[in-house]
Structures are given as structure tokens and as C-alpha cells.
Amino acid sequence: MSLSVMSARTCETRVSARRKVDVRCVVPELVHTTPQRVQPLSIADEIKTLETRLAALRLLQREQLVARITLVVGENIVFSAADLWDHQVVSPELQTAFLEAGLTSRRKLGKKLHQLTACGLVRWGEDRNGVVWMVVRQ
């Protein structure tokens, strides 16, 4: 496969059976060949990269869920998972947020609220409905 680079170089790339890439560039001004070995990412490195991206996306999803809960409930208002679950009937925004997060029951919502403590949700106490939560500004 031939690649043309923006400068006056002509590069040729060959991939061997071992997945090592051999790039040979000919620079007309210098008239010589420069071999370079470019190692592709190992599978372990690719896994680490993908895990890092996945963790960042999960954090973003949690922050978006807390932001939507804050829009519906407000800050410094106490609520339980049951209260929040029941409120989705009158709040399409909250219902959409729950569907996007994969929350299909009060129990799953309660477990998700425990995960959201790093995103501005505070465990305020307990009552007959279970744990009572409050969104606070960070």
C-alpha cells in the first residue's frame, strides 16, 4: 500500500504476519531509505485504553442522571428511591433518564442511587420507605 505524505515523501507500508508494521520512506532530497518499526498496541494496552474510556463514560452517565434528578426534584430536597420512582409517572424527563440508565424497578433505582454518592447525591437518613437522599451542590 502506498501512502503520500504532505511533504515530498513517498512511504510504503508493509504488514507482516506478526502484525509488525514496516514503514519505508524515501525522501527525494536525501535519496535514502529509513526503516522504522511501529509496534501496534498490545491487547493488554488496548484493554486498558477501553477500560479507561468506559469508566469515563460511566461517570458521565452518572453525572447526567444526577443532573436530571436535580432538574426534577431540586437541590436540598429529601426523597427516597420509592418517591423518585413514583414521580417518573408525571415527569417524562425522569422516565427517559431511568430508561437510558437501564433502571426498571425501585430496587435497581435504589442501588443506582448508592453509586451516585460521588456525583453530588448525599445519603440523608432513613424512613419507612428506605434510604432518604438529597442532592447537594458540589
N, C-alpha and C. Protein backbone atom coordinates (compact mmCIF):
# COMPACT_ATOMS: atom_id res chain seq x y z
N MET A 1 0.85 -1.16 0.00
CA MET A 1 0.00 0.00 0.00
C MET A 1 0.90 1.22 0.00
N SER A 2 0.63 2.17 -0.85
CA SER A 2 1.43 3.39 -0.92
C SER A 2 0.65 4.53 -0.30
N LEU A 3 1.33 5.33 0.46
CA LEU A 3 0.74 6.50 1.09
C LEU A 3 1.49 7.72 0.63
N SER A 4 0.80 8.80 0.38
CA SER A 4 1.51 10.03 0.05
C SER A 4 1.38 10.96 1.24
N VAL A 5 2.48 11.52 1.64
CA VAL A 5 2.55 12.41 2.79
C VAL A 5 2.54 13.83 2.25
N MET A 6 2.14 14.78 3.09
CA MET A 6 2.02 16.16 2.64
C MET A 6 3.34 16.71 2.11
N SER A 7 4.46 16.28 2.68
CA SER A 7 5.73 16.73 2.14
C SER A 7 6.03 15.92 0.89
N ALA A 8 7.21 16.03 0.38
CA ALA A 8 7.56 15.34 -0.86
C ALA A 8 8.04 13.92 -0.59
N ARG A 9 7.48 13.26 0.40
CA ARG A 9 7.88 11.90 0.74
C ARG A 9 6.95 10.88 0.10
N THR A 10 7.49 9.74 -0.19
CA THR A 10 6.68 8.61 -0.63
C THR A 10 6.92 7.51 0.38
N CYS A 11 5.87 7.01 0.98
CA CYS A 11 6.01 6.00 2.02
C CYS A 11 5.35 4.71 1.56
N GLU A 12 5.95 3.61 1.96
CA GLU A 12 5.38 2.32 1.67
C GLU A 12 5.24 1.58 2.99
N THR A 13 4.09 0.99 3.22
CA THR A 13 3.82 0.30 4.46
C THR A 13 3.58 -1.17 4.17
N ARG A 14 4.24 -2.02 4.92
CA ARG A 14 4.06 -3.45 4.79
C ARG A 14 3.72 -4.01 6.16
N VAL A 15 2.74 -4.89 6.20
CA VAL A 15 2.35 -5.53 7.44
C VAL A 15 2.73 -7.00 7.34
N SER A 16 3.55 -7.44 8.28
CA SER A 16 3.98 -8.84 8.24
C SER A 16 2.96 -9.71 8.95
N ALA A 17 3.19 -11.01 8.94
CA ALA A 17 2.28 -11.95 9.58
C ALA A 17 2.23 -11.74 11.09
N ARG A 18 3.27 -11.17 11.67
CA ARG A 18 3.30 -10.93 13.12
C ARG A 18 2.69 -9.59 13.49
N ARG A 19 2.07 -8.92 12.58
CA ARG A 19 1.40 -7.63 12.79
C ARG A 19 2.36 -6.49 13.09
N LYS A 20 3.64 -6.66 12.74
CA LYS A 20 4.57 -5.54 12.87
C LYS A 20 4.49 -4.73 11.59
N VAL A 21 4.51 -3.45 11.71
CA VAL A 21 4.39 -2.58 10.56
C VAL A 21 5.78 -2.07 10.21
N ASP A 22 6.15 -2.22 8.94
CA ASP A 22 7.45 -1.76 8.46
C ASP A 22 7.18 -0.60 7.52
N VAL A 23 7.63 0.57 7.90
CA VAL A 23 7.40 1.76 7.09
C VAL A 23 8.73 2.18 6.49
N ARG A 24 8.77 2.31 5.18
CA ARG A 24 9.98 2.77 4.50
C ARG A 24 9.60 4.05 3.75
N CYS A 25 10.32 5.09 4.05
CA CYS A 25 10.06 6.37 3.40
C CYS A 25 11.26 6.76 2.56
N VAL A 26 10.98 7.27 1.40
CA VAL A 26 12.04 7.77 0.53
C VAL A 26 11.85 9.27 0.43
N VAL A 27 12.84 9.99 0.89
CA VAL A 27 12.82 11.43 0.81
C VAL A 27 13.66 11.82 -0.40
N PRO A 28 13.07 12.44 -1.44
CA PRO A 28 13.82 12.73 -2.66
C PRO A 28 15.06 13.57 -2.43
N GLU A 29 15.00 14.50 -1.47
CA GLU A 29 16.17 15.35 -1.24
C GLU A 29 17.36 14.54 -0.71
N LEU A 30 17.09 13.55 0.14
CA LEU A 30 18.17 12.80 0.77
C LEU A 30 18.49 11.50 0.03
N VAL A 31 17.59 11.01 -0.76
CA VAL A 31 17.72 9.80 -1.54
C VAL A 31 18.27 8.65 -0.70
N HIS A 32 17.55 8.30 0.35
CA HIS A 32 17.88 7.12 1.13
C HIS A 32 16.60 6.55 1.76
N THR A 33 16.68 5.33 2.22
CA THR A 33 15.53 4.67 2.82
C THR A 33 15.74 4.59 4.32
N THR A 34 14.71 5.00 5.07
CA THR A 34 14.78 4.97 6.52
C THR A 34 13.78 3.94 7.04
N PRO A 35 14.26 2.78 7.49
CA PRO A 35 13.32 1.80 8.03
C PRO A 35 12.92 2.18 9.45
N GLN A 36 11.63 2.05 9.75
CA GLN A 36 11.12 2.32 11.10
C GLN A 36 10.18 1.18 11.48
N ARG A 37 10.27 0.75 12.69
CA ARG A 37 9.36 -0.27 13.20
C ARG A 37 8.33 0.42 14.09
N VAL A 38 7.07 0.25 13.77
CA VAL A 38 5.98 0.81 14.57
C VAL A 38 5.24 -0.37 15.18
N GLN A 39 5.26 -0.45 16.50
CA GLN A 39 4.60 -1.54 17.21
C GLN A 39 3.13 -1.17 17.43
N PRO A 40 2.22 -2.02 17.00
CA PRO A 40 0.82 -1.75 17.33
C PRO A 40 0.60 -1.97 18.82
N LEU A 41 -0.48 -1.41 19.32
CA LEU A 41 -0.81 -1.59 20.73
C LEU A 41 -1.02 -3.07 21.03
N SER A 42 -0.51 -3.49 22.15
CA SER A 42 -0.75 -4.87 22.56
C SER A 42 -2.21 -4.99 23.01
N ILE A 43 -2.68 -6.18 23.10
CA ILE A 43 -4.07 -6.39 23.52
C ILE A 43 -4.28 -5.85 24.92
N ALA A 44 -3.30 -6.02 25.80
CA ALA A 44 -3.42 -5.50 27.17
C ALA A 44 -3.53 -3.98 27.16
N ASP A 45 -2.75 -3.32 26.31
CA ASP A 45 -2.82 -1.86 26.22
C ASP A 45 -4.18 -1.41 25.67
N GLU A 46 -4.68 -2.13 24.69
CA GLU A 46 -5.99 -1.80 24.13
C GLU A 46 -7.08 -1.97 25.19
N ILE A 47 -6.98 -3.04 25.98
CA ILE A 47 -7.97 -3.27 27.04
C ILE A 47 -7.92 -2.14 28.07
N LYS A 48 -6.71 -1.73 28.47
CA LYS A 48 -6.58 -0.63 29.44
C LYS A 48 -7.18 0.65 28.88
N THR A 49 -6.93 0.92 27.60
CA THR A 49 -7.48 2.12 26.98
C THR A 49 -9.00 2.08 26.97
N LEU A 50 -9.56 0.93 26.59
CA LEU A 50 -11.02 0.81 26.54
C LEU A 50 -11.64 0.86 27.93
N GLU A 51 -10.98 0.26 28.92
CA GLU A 51 -11.49 0.33 30.30
C GLU A 51 -11.49 1.76 30.81
N THR A 52 -10.46 2.52 30.48
CA THR A 52 -10.40 3.93 30.88
C THR A 52 -11.53 4.72 30.24
N ARG A 53 -11.76 4.48 28.96
CA ARG A 53 -12.84 5.18 28.27
C ARG A 53 -14.20 4.78 28.83
N LEU A 54 -14.37 3.49 29.15
CA LEU A 54 -15.62 3.00 29.72
C LEU A 54 -15.89 3.64 31.08
N ALA A 55 -14.86 3.74 31.91
CA ALA A 55 -15.01 4.36 33.22
C ALA A 55 -15.42 5.83 33.08
N ALA A 56 -14.82 6.52 32.12
CA ALA A 56 -15.17 7.92 31.89
C ALA A 56 -16.62 8.05 31.42
N LEU A 57 -17.05 7.16 30.55
CA LEU A 57 -18.43 7.20 30.07
C LEU A 57 -19.44 6.87 31.17
N ARG A 58 -19.09 5.93 32.04
CA ARG A 58 -19.98 5.61 33.16
C ARG A 58 -20.10 6.79 34.12
N LEU A 59 -18.99 7.47 34.39
CA LEU A 59 -19.03 8.66 35.24
C LEU A 59 -19.90 9.74 34.61
N LEU A 60 -19.76 9.92 33.31
CA LEU A 60 -20.58 10.90 32.60
C LEU A 60 -22.06 10.55 32.70
N GLN A 61 -22.38 9.27 32.55
CA GLN A 61 -23.77 8.82 32.64
C GLN A 61 -24.32 9.09 34.04
N ARG A 62 -23.51 8.82 35.07
CA ARG A 62 -23.95 9.08 36.45
C ARG A 62 -24.19 10.56 36.67
N GLU A 63 -23.28 11.40 36.18
CA GLU A 63 -23.43 12.84 36.35
C GLU A 63 -24.67 13.36 35.64
N GLN A 64 -24.96 12.81 34.46
CA GLN A 64 -26.15 13.22 33.73
C GLN A 64 -27.42 12.79 34.47
N LEU A 65 -27.40 11.62 35.07
CA LEU A 65 -28.56 11.16 35.83
C LEU A 65 -28.80 12.06 37.04
N VAL A 66 -27.74 12.42 37.75
CA VAL A 66 -27.88 13.33 38.90
C VAL A 66 -28.38 14.69 38.43
N ALA A 67 -27.91 15.16 37.29
CA ALA A 67 -28.37 16.46 36.77
C ALA A 67 -29.86 16.41 36.45
N ARG A 68 -30.33 15.31 35.87
CA ARG A 68 -31.76 15.19 35.57
C ARG A 68 -32.59 15.08 36.83
N ILE A 69 -32.08 14.34 37.82
CA ILE A 69 -32.79 14.25 39.10
C ILE A 69 -32.87 15.63 39.74
N THR A 70 -31.78 16.40 39.66
CA THR A 70 -31.76 17.74 40.23
C THR A 70 -32.76 18.65 39.53
N LEU A 71 -32.89 18.53 38.21
CA LEU A 71 -33.87 19.34 37.49
C LEU A 71 -35.29 19.04 37.94
N VAL A 72 -35.58 17.79 38.19
CA VAL A 72 -36.94 17.39 38.56
C VAL A 72 -37.22 17.65 40.03
N VAL A 73 -36.31 17.23 40.90
CA VAL A 73 -36.54 17.31 42.35
C VAL A 73 -36.07 18.65 42.91
N GLY A 74 -34.92 19.10 42.50
CA GLY A 74 -34.33 20.32 43.04
C GLY A 74 -33.25 19.98 44.04
N GLU A 75 -32.51 20.99 44.44
CA GLU A 75 -31.44 20.79 45.42
C GLU A 75 -31.99 20.92 46.83
N ASN A 76 -31.32 20.24 47.75
CA ASN A 76 -31.65 20.28 49.18
C ASN A 76 -33.07 19.83 49.49
N ILE A 77 -33.63 18.96 48.65
CA ILE A 77 -34.94 18.36 48.88
C ILE A 77 -34.70 16.88 49.13
N VAL A 78 -35.27 16.35 50.22
CA VAL A 78 -35.06 14.94 50.53
C VAL A 78 -36.09 14.09 49.78
N PHE A 79 -35.66 12.90 49.37
CA PHE A 79 -36.52 11.97 48.65
C PHE A 79 -35.99 10.56 48.82
N SER A 80 -36.85 9.60 48.64
CA SER A 80 -36.43 8.20 48.66
C SER A 80 -36.47 7.66 47.23
N ALA A 81 -35.93 6.47 47.04
CA ALA A 81 -35.98 5.85 45.72
C ALA A 81 -37.43 5.60 45.32
N ALA A 82 -38.26 5.22 46.29
CA ALA A 82 -39.68 4.99 46.00
C ALA A 82 -40.37 6.27 45.55
N ASP A 83 -40.07 7.39 46.24
CA ASP A 83 -40.65 8.67 45.85
C ASP A 83 -40.24 9.05 44.43
N LEU A 84 -38.97 8.88 44.14
CA LEU A 84 -38.44 9.22 42.83
C LEU A 84 -39.04 8.32 41.75
N TRP A 85 -39.18 7.03 42.06
CA TRP A 85 -39.76 6.09 41.11
C TRP A 85 -41.22 6.46 40.80
N ASP A 86 -41.97 6.81 41.84
CA ASP A 86 -43.37 7.18 41.64
C ASP A 86 -43.50 8.50 40.86
N HIS A 87 -42.53 9.39 41.01
CA HIS A 87 -42.58 10.70 40.35
C HIS A 87 -42.34 10.61 38.85
N GLN A 88 -41.76 9.51 38.39
CA GLN A 88 -41.49 9.40 36.96
C GLN A 88 -42.77 9.34 36.13
N VAL A 89 -43.90 9.01 36.78
CA VAL A 89 -45.19 8.96 36.08
C VAL A 89 -45.56 10.33 35.54
N VAL A 90 -45.26 11.38 36.28
CA VAL A 90 -45.61 12.73 35.86
C VAL A 90 -44.44 13.48 35.25
N SER A 91 -43.28 12.86 35.19
CA SER A 91 -42.10 13.53 34.64
C SER A 91 -41.48 12.69 33.52
N PRO A 92 -41.78 13.05 32.27
CA PRO A 92 -41.19 12.30 31.15
C PRO A 92 -39.66 12.41 31.13
N GLU A 93 -39.12 13.53 31.59
CA GLU A 93 -37.66 13.70 31.65
C GLU A 93 -37.04 12.65 32.57
N LEU A 94 -37.64 12.44 33.71
CA LEU A 94 -37.14 11.45 34.66
C LEU A 94 -37.33 10.02 34.13
N GLN A 95 -38.45 9.79 33.48
CA GLN A 95 -38.71 8.47 32.92
C GLN A 95 -37.68 8.14 31.84
N THR A 96 -37.35 9.11 31.00
CA THR A 96 -36.33 8.91 29.97
C THR A 96 -34.97 8.64 30.59
N ALA A 97 -34.65 9.38 31.64
CA ALA A 97 -33.37 9.18 32.32
C ALA A 97 -33.26 7.78 32.90
N PHE A 98 -34.34 7.29 33.47
CA PHE A 98 -34.33 5.94 34.05
C PHE A 98 -34.18 4.88 32.95
N LEU A 99 -34.86 5.07 31.85
CA LEU A 99 -34.75 4.10 30.75
C LEU A 99 -33.33 4.07 30.18
N GLU A 100 -32.73 5.25 30.00
CA GLU A 100 -31.37 5.32 29.47
C GLU A 100 -30.36 4.68 30.41
N ALA A 101 -30.62 4.76 31.72
CA ALA A 101 -29.72 4.17 32.70
C ALA A 101 -30.02 2.69 32.94
N GLY A 102 -31.07 2.17 32.32
CA GLY A 102 -31.41 0.76 32.48
C GLY A 102 -32.10 0.44 33.80
N LEU A 103 -32.75 1.43 34.38
CA LEU A 103 -33.43 1.25 35.67
C LEU A 103 -34.87 0.81 35.41
N THR A 104 -35.20 -0.39 35.85
CA THR A 104 -36.52 -0.94 35.57
C THR A 104 -37.34 -1.22 36.82
N SER A 105 -36.78 -0.92 38.00
CA SER A 105 -37.53 -1.17 39.23
C SER A 105 -37.03 -0.21 40.32
N ARG A 106 -37.82 -0.10 41.39
CA ARG A 106 -37.42 0.72 42.53
C ARG A 106 -36.12 0.21 43.15
N ARG A 107 -36.01 -1.09 43.19
CA ARG A 107 -34.81 -1.69 43.80
C ARG A 107 -33.55 -1.32 43.01
N LYS A 108 -33.63 -1.41 41.68
CA LYS A 108 -32.47 -1.03 40.84
C LYS A 108 -32.17 0.46 40.98
N LEU A 109 -33.22 1.26 41.10
CA LEU A 109 -33.02 2.69 41.29
C LEU A 109 -32.31 2.95 42.62
N GLY A 110 -32.72 2.26 43.68
CA GLY A 110 -32.06 2.42 44.98
C GLY A 110 -30.60 2.06 44.93
N LYS A 111 -30.27 0.97 44.23
CA LYS A 111 -28.86 0.58 44.10
C LYS A 111 -28.08 1.61 43.29
N LYS A 112 -28.72 2.16 42.26
CA LYS A 112 -28.04 3.19 41.45
C LYS A 112 -27.81 4.45 42.26
N LEU A 113 -28.75 4.80 43.13
CA LEU A 113 -28.57 5.99 43.97
C LEU A 113 -27.37 5.83 44.89
N HIS A 114 -27.11 4.62 45.36
CA HIS A 114 -25.92 4.38 46.17
C HIS A 114 -24.65 4.66 45.38
N GLN A 115 -24.67 4.37 44.08
CA GLN A 115 -23.49 4.61 43.22
C GLN A 115 -23.30 6.09 42.92
N LEU A 116 -24.35 6.88 43.08
CA LEU A 116 -24.30 8.29 42.71
C LEU A 116 -23.78 9.20 43.81
N THR A 117 -23.33 8.62 44.92
CA THR A 117 -22.86 9.46 46.03
C THR A 117 -21.63 10.27 45.65
N ALA A 118 -20.87 9.83 44.67
CA ALA A 118 -19.69 10.58 44.23
C ALA A 118 -20.06 11.73 43.30
N CYS A 119 -21.31 11.80 42.89
CA CYS A 119 -21.73 12.80 41.90
C CYS A 119 -22.66 13.87 42.49
N GLY A 120 -22.66 14.04 43.78
CA GLY A 120 -23.46 15.09 44.39
C GLY A 120 -24.70 14.62 45.13
N LEU A 121 -24.90 13.33 45.22
CA LEU A 121 -26.04 12.79 45.95
C LEU A 121 -25.56 12.40 47.35
N VAL A 122 -26.33 12.79 48.37
CA VAL A 122 -25.93 12.54 49.75
C VAL A 122 -27.01 11.70 50.44
N ARG A 123 -26.54 10.70 51.16
CA ARG A 123 -27.47 9.90 51.97
C ARG A 123 -27.85 10.73 53.19
N TRP A 124 -29.13 11.08 53.30
CA TRP A 124 -29.56 11.98 54.34
C TRP A 124 -30.06 11.24 55.57
N GLY A 125 -30.63 10.07 55.39
CA GLY A 125 -31.14 9.30 56.52
C GLY A 125 -31.97 8.13 56.04
N GLU A 126 -32.86 7.66 56.90
CA GLU A 126 -33.75 6.55 56.55
C GLU A 126 -35.13 6.83 57.10
N ASP A 127 -36.14 6.31 56.39
CA ASP A 127 -37.51 6.35 56.89
C ASP A 127 -38.19 5.03 56.54
N ARG A 128 -39.51 4.98 56.65
CA ARG A 128 -40.21 3.72 56.39
C ARG A 128 -40.08 3.26 54.94
N ASN A 129 -39.77 4.17 54.01
CA ASN A 129 -39.60 3.82 52.60
C ASN A 129 -38.19 3.37 52.27
N GLY A 130 -37.29 3.50 53.23
CA GLY A 130 -35.89 3.13 52.99
C GLY A 130 -34.97 4.32 53.16
N VAL A 131 -33.91 4.34 52.39
CA VAL A 131 -32.90 5.40 52.49
C VAL A 131 -33.46 6.69 51.89
N VAL A 132 -33.18 7.79 52.56
CA VAL A 132 -33.61 9.10 52.09
C VAL A 132 -32.38 9.82 51.55
N TRP A 133 -32.52 10.41 50.37
CA TRP A 133 -31.40 11.04 49.65
C TRP A 133 -31.65 12.53 49.49
N MET A 134 -30.58 13.27 49.20
CA MET A 134 -30.68 14.69 48.92
C MET A 134 -29.57 15.04 47.94
N VAL A 135 -29.90 15.88 46.95
CA VAL A 135 -28.90 16.38 46.00
C VAL A 135 -28.35 17.67 46.59
N VAL A 136 -27.03 17.75 46.69
CA VAL A 136 -26.38 18.98 47.17
C VAL A 136 -25.45 19.49 46.10
N ARG A 137 -25.28 20.78 46.08
CA ARG A 137 -24.38 21.42 45.12
C ARG A 137 -22.95 21.16 45.50
N GLN A 138 -22.14 20.77 44.52
CA GLN A 138 -20.71 20.49 44.81
C GLN A 138 -19.86 21.69 44.52
